[in-house]
Amino acid sequence: MNYADYGYYSAHYSVIEKEETFERLAFLASRRLDILTGQRAQRASGYKLEALRDCVCNMAEYLYAAESTAQGTGITSVSNEGYSESYQAVTPEQVEENLRSLAFQWLSGTGLMGAM
């Protein structure tokens, strides 16, 4: 079950332009949320479902950025003169931890990540 569709995403977010890209990443994010919530996400409704939708959208954007840079999203330095950015390589473990952190951030107070 995907907790967010492209219609919802495109109405509220704008980083991922292609519907098929969003749908693929939203599927991965939704499956990760099922694991992180111990399947409680599948029974969500009301404000909890809204929180899940926003969480999936943000997780999909994170995954998109990680794929797009092929190195990760951690900017370690920026130069103003010739404009340059340096990225820190992100390990699979760091990606997982960042996804878990996003889930806690967006689902805080819903009880989906554990006891309230």
C-alpha atoms as a PDB file:
ATOM      1  CA  MET A   1       0.000   0.000   0.000  1.00  0.00           C
ATOM      2  CA  ASN A   2       1.394   3.380  -0.998  1.00  0.00           C
ATOM      3  CA  TYR A   3       0.481   6.032   1.554  1.00  0.00           C
ATOM      4  CA  ALA A   4       0.856   8.910  -0.918  1.00  0.00           C
ATOM      5  CA  ASP A   5       0.103   9.192  -4.617  1.00  0.00           C
ATOM      6  CA  TYR A   6       1.479  11.583  -7.192  1.00  0.00           C
ATOM      7  CA  GLY A   7      -1.651  13.733  -7.117  1.00  0.00           C
ATOM      8  CA  TYR A   8      -1.125  14.460  -3.422  1.00  0.00           C
ATOM      9  CA  TYR A   9       2.611  14.896  -3.900  1.00  0.00           C
ATOM     10  CA  SER A  10       2.350  17.328  -6.813  1.00  0.00           C
ATOM     11  CA  ALA A  11      -0.241  19.424  -4.955  1.00  0.00           C
ATOM     12  CA  HIS A  12       2.039  19.880  -1.933  1.00  0.00           C
ATOM     13  CA  TYR A  13       5.643  19.258  -3.083  1.00  0.00           C
ATOM     14  CA  SER A  14       7.678  19.906  -6.209  1.00  0.00           C
ATOM     15  CA  VAL A  15      11.142  18.287  -6.200  1.00  0.00           C
ATOM     16  CA  ILE A  16      10.287  15.069  -8.095  1.00  0.00           C
ATOM     17  CA  GLU A  17       8.879  15.952 -11.498  1.00  0.00           C
ATOM     18  CA  LYS A  18       8.152  12.535 -13.012  1.00  0.00           C
ATOM     19  CA  GLU A  19       5.180  10.575 -11.729  1.00  0.00           C
ATOM     20  CA  GLU A  20       6.800   7.180 -12.293  1.00  0.00           C
ATOM     21  CA  THR A  21       9.873   8.239 -10.324  1.00  0.00           C
ATOM     22  CA  PHE A  22       7.728   9.408  -7.421  1.00  0.00           C
ATOM     23  CA  GLU A  23       5.593   6.253  -7.470  1.00  0.00           C
ATOM     24  CA  ARG A  24       8.698   4.032  -7.349  1.00  0.00           C
ATOM     25  CA  LEU A  25      10.277   5.959  -4.474  1.00  0.00           C
ATOM     26  CA  ALA A  26       6.960   6.297  -2.604  1.00  0.00           C
ATOM     27  CA  PHE A  27       6.556   2.526  -2.786  1.00  0.00           C
ATOM     28  CA  LEU A  28      10.011   2.051  -1.223  1.00  0.00           C
ATOM     29  CA  ALA A  29       9.263   4.666   1.443  1.00  0.00           C
ATOM     30  CA  SER A  30       5.878   3.099   2.227  1.00  0.00           C
ATOM     31  CA  ARG A  31       7.407  -0.352   2.646  1.00  0.00           C
ATOM     32  CA  ARG A  32      10.102   1.098   4.915  1.00  0.00           C
ATOM     33  CA  LEU A  33       7.371   2.757   7.020  1.00  0.00           C
ATOM     34  CA  ASP A  34       5.523  -0.548   7.331  1.00  0.00           C
ATOM     35  CA  ILE A  35       8.691  -2.026   8.830  1.00  0.00           C
ATOM     36  CA  LEU A  36       9.489   0.964  11.052  1.00  0.00           C
ATOM     37  CA  THR A  37       5.947   1.148  12.423  1.00  0.00           C
ATOM     38  CA  GLY A  38       5.542  -2.586  12.959  1.00  0.00           C
ATOM     39  CA  GLN A  39       2.688  -2.595  10.400  1.00  0.00           C
ATOM     40  CA  ARG A  40       0.708   0.009  12.435  1.00  0.00           C
ATOM     41  CA  ALA A  41       0.828   2.352   9.422  1.00  0.00           C
ATOM     42  CA  GLN A  42      -1.514   0.024   7.516  1.00  0.00           C
ATOM     43  CA  ARG A  43      -4.314   0.738  10.006  1.00  0.00           C
ATOM     44  CA  ALA A  44      -3.839   4.521  10.064  1.00  0.00           C
ATOM     45  CA  SER A  45      -6.669   6.931   9.394  1.00  0.00           C
ATOM     46  CA  GLY A  46      -7.442  10.593   9.959  1.00  0.00           C
ATOM     47  CA  TYR A  47      -4.532  12.763  11.041  1.00  0.00           C
ATOM     48  CA  LYS A  48      -2.256   9.720  11.206  1.00  0.00           C
ATOM     49  CA  LEU A  49      -2.820   9.014   7.514  1.00  0.00           C
ATOM     50  CA  GLU A  50      -2.080  12.660   6.691  1.00  0.00           C
ATOM     51  CA  ALA A  51       1.172  12.418   8.655  1.00  0.00           C
ATOM     52  CA  LEU A  52       2.037   9.216   6.754  1.00  0.00           C
ATOM     53  CA  ARG A  53       1.426  10.919   3.404  1.00  0.00           C
ATOM     54  CA  ASP A  54       3.754  13.786   4.269  1.00  0.00           C
ATOM     55  CA  CYS A  55       6.325  11.384   5.673  1.00  0.00           C
ATOM     56  CA  VAL A  56       6.318   9.314   2.468  1.00  0.00           C
ATOM     57  CA  CYS A  57       6.671  12.462   0.343  1.00  0.00           C
ATOM     58  CA  ASN A  58       9.659  13.635   2.373  1.00  0.00           C
ATOM     59  CA  MET A  59      11.263  10.195   2.384  1.00  0.00           C
ATOM     60  CA  ALA A  60      10.768   9.963  -1.404  1.00  0.00           C
ATOM     61  CA  GLU A  61      12.455  13.348  -1.848  1.00  0.00           C
ATOM     62  CA  TYR A  62      15.364  12.204   0.328  1.00  0.00           C
ATOM     63  CA  LEU A  63      15.737   9.011  -1.734  1.00  0.00           C
ATOM     64  CA  TYR A  64      15.503  11.049  -4.943  1.00  0.00           C
ATOM     65  CA  ALA A  65      18.277  13.385  -3.789  1.00  0.00           C
ATOM     66  CA  ALA A  66      20.438  10.429  -2.764  1.00  0.00           C
ATOM     67  CA  GLU A  67      19.950   8.817  -6.181  1.00  0.00           C
ATOM     68  CA  SER A  68      20.454  12.066  -8.089  1.00  0.00           C
ATOM     69  CA  THR A  69      23.788  12.917  -6.531  1.00  0.00           C
ATOM     70  CA  ALA A  70      24.964   9.305  -6.510  1.00  0.00           C
ATOM     71  CA  GLN A  71      26.950  10.297  -3.441  1.00  0.00           C
ATOM     72  CA  GLY A  72      24.356  11.378  -0.919  1.00  0.00           C
ATOM     73  CA  THR A  73      22.849  14.580   0.299  1.00  0.00           C
ATOM     74  CA  GLY A  74      25.247  15.671   3.035  1.00  0.00           C
ATOM     75  CA  ILE A  75      26.749  18.990   1.931  1.00  0.00           C
ATOM     76  CA  THR A  76      30.062  19.442   3.728  1.00  0.00           C
ATOM     77  CA  SER A  77      31.227  22.719   2.180  1.00  0.00           C
ATOM     78  CA  VAL A  78      30.043  25.518  -0.083  1.00  0.00           C
ATOM     79  CA  SER A  79      32.140  28.136  -1.863  1.00  0.00           C
ATOM     80  CA  ASN A  80      30.669  31.465  -2.894  1.00  0.00           C
ATOM     81  CA  GLU A  81      33.169  32.718  -5.454  1.00  0.00           C
ATOM     82  CA  GLY A  82      33.063  30.083  -8.177  1.00  0.00           C
ATOM     83  CA  TYR A  83      30.120  28.319  -6.520  1.00  0.00           C
ATOM     84  CA  SER A  84      30.982  24.793  -5.616  1.00  0.00           C
ATOM     85  CA  GLU A  85      29.513  22.230  -3.234  1.00  0.00           C
ATOM     86  CA  SER A  86      31.215  19.231  -1.701  1.00  0.00           C
ATOM     87  CA  TYR A  87      29.159  16.212  -0.740  1.00  0.00           C
ATOM     88  CA  GLN A  88      29.909  13.677   1.928  1.00  0.00           C
ATOM     89  CA  ALA A  89      29.539  10.119   0.716  1.00  0.00           C
ATOM     90  CA  VAL A  90      26.583   8.473   2.437  1.00  0.00           C
ATOM     91  CA  THR A  91      26.737   4.803   3.330  1.00  0.00           C
ATOM     92  CA  PRO A  92      23.678   2.525   3.147  1.00  0.00           C
ATOM     93  CA  GLU A  93      23.624   2.550   6.945  1.00  0.00           C
ATOM     94  CA  GLN A  94      23.494   6.352   6.968  1.00  0.00           C
ATOM     95  CA  VAL A  95      20.679   6.333   4.405  1.00  0.00           C
ATOM     96  CA  GLU A  96      18.738   3.937   6.631  1.00  0.00           C
ATOM     97  CA  GLU A  97      19.370   6.097   9.698  1.00  0.00           C
ATOM     98  CA  ASN A  98      18.293   9.234   7.824  1.00  0.00           C
ATOM     99  CA  LEU A  99      15.067   7.532   6.701  1.00  0.00           C
ATOM    100  CA  ARG A 100      14.401   6.412  10.280  1.00  0.00           C
ATOM    101  CA  SER A 101      15.036   9.963  11.473  1.00  0.00           C
ATOM    102  CA  LEU A 102      12.595  11.363   8.900  1.00  0.00           C
ATOM    103  CA  ALA A 103       9.973   8.850  10.014  1.00  0.00           C
ATOM    104  CA  PHE A 104      10.367   9.869  13.655  1.00  0.00           C
ATOM    105  CA  GLN A 105      10.222  13.539  12.696  1.00  0.00           C
ATOM    106  CA  TRP A 106       7.052  13.313  10.609  1.00  0.00           C
ATOM    107  CA  LEU A 107       5.221  10.689  12.690  1.00  0.00           C
ATOM    108  CA  SER A 108       6.019  12.121  16.118  1.00  0.00           C
ATOM    109  CA  GLY A 109       2.901  12.271  18.248  1.00  0.00           C
ATOM    110  CA  THR A 110       0.894   9.806  16.150  1.00  0.00           C
ATOM    111  CA  GLY A 111       1.806   6.649  18.069  1.00  0.00           C
ATOM    112  CA  LEU A 112       2.762   4.952  14.816  1.00  0.00           C
ATOM    113  CA  MET A 113       6.452   4.742  15.695  1.00  0.00           C
ATOM    114  CA  GLY A 114       5.767   3.309  19.139  1.00  0.00           C
ATOM    115  CA  ALA A 115       4.195   4.414  22.396  1.00  0.00           C
ATOM    116  CA  MET A 116       2.975   7.979  22.568  1.00  0.00           C
END
